[in-house]
Amino acid sequence: MDIKKIDHIGIVVRNLEAAKRIYGNGLGLLYIREEVSDEFHCKIAFFQCGEVLIELIEPTGPGPSRTFLDTHGEGLHHICYEVEDISEALAGAKAGLRTSYAAPKAGAGGSRVFFLDPSSVCGVETEFVELKK
């Protein structure tokens, strides 16, 4: 598996608008974009922090981010690594790690993603993304 870089850090929040004020006005990070993910039942906003994005995630229905929020409250949810070829990365991961999905799913901005089972990566929720070309 060829990891290019850390793409983003995901943070689950209760209120996206309030979190946007904290990360934009409070921390002075550059707002990039916002979208709704029907696949993962959430609203997300991205901020630039150097070469890494901060992804703020507000759950809008049942799913992983809602479960996280209900169990842990707001906080750091996952780290995401960019890869060139998501299918190749998934095949490589399946060879030695447990994955959360059998096939990549649609991600933000037209990307394709998959997650590893946290128990196979030292308890860290880990995502891989192939950005839209």
C-alpha atoms as a PDB file:
ATOM      1  CA  MET A   1       0.000   0.000   0.000  1.00  0.00           C
ATOM      2  CA  ASP A   2       1.470   3.350  -1.037  1.00  0.00           C
ATOM      3  CA  ILE A   3       0.356   6.141   1.323  1.00  0.00           C
ATOM      4  CA  LYS A   4       0.937   9.593  -0.192  1.00  0.00           C
ATOM      5  CA  LYS A   5       0.191  11.774   2.846  1.00  0.00           C
ATOM      6  CA  ILE A   6      -2.237  12.499   5.648  1.00  0.00           C
ATOM      7  CA  ASP A   7      -5.272  13.937   3.873  1.00  0.00           C
ATOM      8  CA  HIS A   8      -7.436  14.958   6.806  1.00  0.00           C
ATOM      9  CA  ILE A   9      -8.312  14.566  10.456  1.00  0.00           C
ATOM     10  CA  GLY A  10     -11.999  13.959  11.210  1.00  0.00           C
ATOM     11  CA  ILE A  11     -13.651  15.532  14.255  1.00  0.00           C
ATOM     12  CA  VAL A  12     -17.237  14.724  15.247  1.00  0.00           C
ATOM     13  CA  VAL A  13     -19.244  17.730  16.500  1.00  0.00           C
ATOM     14  CA  ARG A  14     -22.775  18.270  17.815  1.00  0.00           C
ATOM     15  CA  ASN A  15     -23.361  21.521  15.941  1.00  0.00           C
ATOM     16  CA  LEU A  16     -21.550  22.172  12.662  1.00  0.00           C
ATOM     17  CA  GLU A  17     -22.292  25.912  12.606  1.00  0.00           C
ATOM     18  CA  ALA A  18     -20.859  26.422  16.102  1.00  0.00           C
ATOM     19  CA  ALA A  19     -17.810  24.294  15.250  1.00  0.00           C
ATOM     20  CA  LYS A  20     -17.238  26.279  12.030  1.00  0.00           C
ATOM     21  CA  ARG A  21     -17.077  29.483  14.099  1.00  0.00           C
ATOM     22  CA  ILE A  22     -14.534  27.900  16.472  1.00  0.00           C
ATOM     23  CA  TYR A  23     -12.263  26.565  13.726  1.00  0.00           C
ATOM     24  CA  GLY A  24     -12.701  29.543  11.386  1.00  0.00           C
ATOM     25  CA  ASN A  25     -12.956  32.595  13.636  1.00  0.00           C
ATOM     26  CA  GLY A  26     -11.394  31.158  16.790  1.00  0.00           C
ATOM     27  CA  LEU A  27      -8.456  29.240  15.317  1.00  0.00           C
ATOM     28  CA  GLY A  28      -8.205  31.243  12.101  1.00  0.00           C
ATOM     29  CA  LEU A  29      -8.245  28.229   9.784  1.00  0.00           C
ATOM     30  CA  LEU A  30      -9.263  28.728   6.157  1.00  0.00           C
ATOM     31  CA  TYR A  31     -12.774  27.446   5.351  1.00  0.00           C
ATOM     32  CA  ILE A  32     -12.696  25.296   2.192  1.00  0.00           C
ATOM     33  CA  ARG A  33     -16.123  23.780   1.582  1.00  0.00           C
ATOM     34  CA  GLU A  34     -19.176  22.102   3.058  1.00  0.00           C
ATOM     35  CA  GLU A  35     -21.324  19.220   1.875  1.00  0.00           C
ATOM     36  CA  VAL A  36     -23.843  16.612   2.951  1.00  0.00           C
ATOM     37  CA  SER A  37     -23.014  12.908   2.859  1.00  0.00           C
ATOM     38  CA  ASP A  38     -26.067  10.722   2.318  1.00  0.00           C
ATOM     39  CA  GLU A  39     -23.796   7.658   2.415  1.00  0.00           C
ATOM     40  CA  PHE A  40     -22.583   8.390   5.970  1.00  0.00           C
ATOM     41  CA  HIS A  41     -25.610  10.424   7.212  1.00  0.00           C
ATOM     42  CA  CYS A  42     -23.746  13.598   8.125  1.00  0.00           C
ATOM     43  CA  LYS A  43     -22.956  17.205   7.240  1.00  0.00           C
ATOM     44  CA  ILE A  44     -19.270  18.000   6.865  1.00  0.00           C
ATOM     45  CA  ALA A  45     -17.136  21.120   6.595  1.00  0.00           C
ATOM     46  CA  PHE A  46     -13.460  21.241   5.642  1.00  0.00           C
ATOM     47  CA  PHE A  47     -10.838  23.702   6.882  1.00  0.00           C
ATOM     48  CA  GLN A  48      -7.227  23.987   5.703  1.00  0.00           C
ATOM     49  CA  CYS A  49      -4.460  23.555   8.277  1.00  0.00           C
ATOM     50  CA  GLY A  50      -1.140  23.595   6.450  1.00  0.00           C
ATOM     51  CA  GLU A  51      -1.140  20.598   4.104  1.00  0.00           C
ATOM     52  CA  VAL A  52      -3.794  18.747   6.113  1.00  0.00           C
ATOM     53  CA  LEU A  53      -7.546  19.299   6.117  1.00  0.00           C
ATOM     54  CA  ILE A  54      -9.666  19.350   9.255  1.00  0.00           C
ATOM     55  CA  GLU A  55     -13.017  17.646   8.598  1.00  0.00           C
ATOM     56  CA  LEU A  56     -15.817  18.664  10.967  1.00  0.00           C
ATOM     57  CA  ILE A  57     -18.614  16.074  11.010  1.00  0.00           C
ATOM     58  CA  GLU A  58     -22.147  16.599  12.336  1.00  0.00           C
ATOM     59  CA  PRO A  59     -24.291  13.445  12.299  1.00  0.00           C
ATOM     60  CA  THR A  60     -27.701  13.831  10.628  1.00  0.00           C
ATOM     61  CA  GLY A  61     -28.913  10.259  11.127  1.00  0.00           C
ATOM     62  CA  PRO A  62     -27.792   6.805  12.202  1.00  0.00           C
ATOM     63  CA  GLY A  63     -24.254   5.809  11.312  1.00  0.00           C
ATOM     64  CA  PRO A  64     -20.680   5.728  12.569  1.00  0.00           C
ATOM     65  CA  SER A  65     -20.474   9.419  13.483  1.00  0.00           C
ATOM     66  CA  ARG A  66     -23.790   9.290  15.399  1.00  0.00           C
ATOM     67  CA  THR A  67     -22.627   6.195  17.289  1.00  0.00           C
ATOM     68  CA  PHE A  68     -19.340   7.932  18.101  1.00  0.00           C
ATOM     69  CA  LEU A  69     -21.081  11.110  19.303  1.00  0.00           C
ATOM     70  CA  ASP A  70     -23.563   9.180  21.459  1.00  0.00           C
ATOM     71  CA  THR A  71     -20.800   7.042  22.978  1.00  0.00           C
ATOM     72  CA  HIS A  72     -17.871   9.462  23.323  1.00  0.00           C
ATOM     73  CA  GLY A  73     -19.270  12.958  22.794  1.00  0.00           C
ATOM     74  CA  GLU A  74     -17.530  15.432  20.516  1.00  0.00           C
ATOM     75  CA  GLY A  75     -13.934  14.790  19.583  1.00  0.00           C
ATOM     76  CA  LEU A  76     -11.273  13.300  17.364  1.00  0.00           C
ATOM     77  CA  HIS A  77     -12.880  10.581  15.230  1.00  0.00           C
ATOM     78  CA  HIS A  78     -10.394   9.463  12.569  1.00  0.00           C
ATOM     79  CA  ILE A  79      -7.253  10.069  10.571  1.00  0.00           C
ATOM     80  CA  CYS A  80      -7.354   9.727   6.793  1.00  0.00           C
ATOM     81  CA  TYR A  81      -4.484   8.816   4.488  1.00  0.00           C
ATOM     82  CA  GLU A  82      -4.490   9.647   0.782  1.00  0.00           C
ATOM     83  CA  VAL A  83      -3.638   6.827  -1.618  1.00  0.00           C
ATOM     84  CA  GLU A  84      -3.270   6.813  -5.393  1.00  0.00           C
ATOM     85  CA  ASP A  85      -5.370   3.687  -5.994  1.00  0.00           C
ATOM     86  CA  ILE A  86      -8.111   2.862  -3.473  1.00  0.00           C
ATOM     87  CA  SER A  87      -8.727  -0.639  -4.857  1.00  0.00           C
ATOM     88  CA  GLU A  88      -5.040  -1.509  -4.549  1.00  0.00           C
ATOM     89  CA  ALA A  89      -4.924  -0.068  -1.014  1.00  0.00           C
ATOM     90  CA  LEU A  90      -8.013  -2.047   0.017  1.00  0.00           C
ATOM     91  CA  ALA A  91      -6.554  -5.271  -1.397  1.00  0.00           C
ATOM     92  CA  GLY A  92      -3.304  -4.613   0.471  1.00  0.00           C
ATOM     93  CA  ALA A  93      -5.139  -3.858   3.700  1.00  0.00           C
ATOM     94  CA  LYS A  94      -7.240  -7.021   3.432  1.00  0.00           C
ATOM     95  CA  ALA A  95      -4.018  -9.055   3.281  1.00  0.00           C
ATOM     96  CA  GLY A  96      -3.110  -8.240   6.877  1.00  0.00           C
ATOM     97  CA  LEU A  97      -5.696  -5.946   8.473  1.00  0.00           C
ATOM     98  CA  ARG A  98      -9.424  -5.994   9.123  1.00  0.00           C
ATOM     99  CA  THR A  99     -11.455  -3.613   6.963  1.00  0.00           C
ATOM    100  CA  SER A 100     -14.870  -2.148   7.710  1.00  0.00           C
ATOM    101  CA  TYR A 101     -16.159  -2.518   4.133  1.00  0.00           C
ATOM    102  CA  ALA A 102     -15.859  -5.122   1.388  1.00  0.00           C
ATOM    103  CA  ALA A 103     -15.577  -2.403  -1.284  1.00  0.00           C
ATOM    104  CA  PRO A 104     -14.784   1.343  -1.351  1.00  0.00           C
ATOM    105  CA  LYS A 105     -17.661   3.772  -0.710  1.00  0.00           C
ATOM    106  CA  ALA A 106     -18.441   7.226  -2.068  1.00  0.00           C
ATOM    107  CA  GLY A 107     -16.693   9.908  -0.023  1.00  0.00           C
ATOM    108  CA  ALA A 108     -16.659  13.697   0.119  1.00  0.00           C
ATOM    109  CA  GLY A 109     -15.943  15.667  -3.041  1.00  0.00           C
ATOM    110  CA  GLY A 110     -16.397  12.685  -5.355  1.00  0.00           C
ATOM    111  CA  SER A 111     -13.656  10.668  -3.642  1.00  0.00           C
ATOM    112  CA  ARG A 112     -13.674   6.941  -2.855  1.00  0.00           C
ATOM    113  CA  VAL A 113     -12.945   5.738   0.686  1.00  0.00           C
ATOM    114  CA  PHE A 114     -12.702   2.768   3.000  1.00  0.00           C
ATOM    115  CA  PHE A 115     -12.047   2.375   6.727  1.00  0.00           C
ATOM    116  CA  LEU A 116      -9.996  -0.105   8.687  1.00  0.00           C
ATOM    117  CA  ASP A 117     -11.412  -1.767  11.784  1.00  0.00           C
ATOM    118  CA  PRO A 118      -9.833   0.253  14.639  1.00  0.00           C
ATOM    119  CA  SER A 119      -8.869  -2.929  16.487  1.00  0.00           C
ATOM    120  CA  SER A 120      -6.417  -3.746  13.688  1.00  0.00           C
ATOM    121  CA  VAL A 121      -4.652  -0.340  13.834  1.00  0.00           C
ATOM    122  CA  CYS A 122      -3.902   0.228  17.525  1.00  0.00           C
ATOM    123  CA  GLY A 123      -7.431   1.486  18.283  1.00  0.00           C
ATOM    124  CA  VAL A 124      -7.346   4.349  15.757  1.00  0.00           C
ATOM    125  CA  GLU A 125     -10.246   4.811  13.331  1.00  0.00           C
ATOM    126  CA  THR A 126      -8.327   4.903  10.037  1.00  0.00           C
ATOM    127  CA  GLU A 127      -9.664   5.972   6.654  1.00  0.00           C
ATOM    128  CA  PHE A 128      -8.078   5.802   3.205  1.00  0.00           C
ATOM    129  CA  VAL A 129      -9.114   8.112   0.366  1.00  0.00           C
ATOM    130  CA  GLU A 130      -8.537   8.240  -3.365  1.00  0.00           C
ATOM    131  CA  LEU A 131      -9.283  11.809  -4.387  1.00  0.00           C
ATOM    132  CA  LYS A 132     -11.383  12.549  -7.463  1.00  0.00           C
ATOM    133  CA  LYS A 133      -9.101  12.945 -10.451  1.00  0.00           C
END
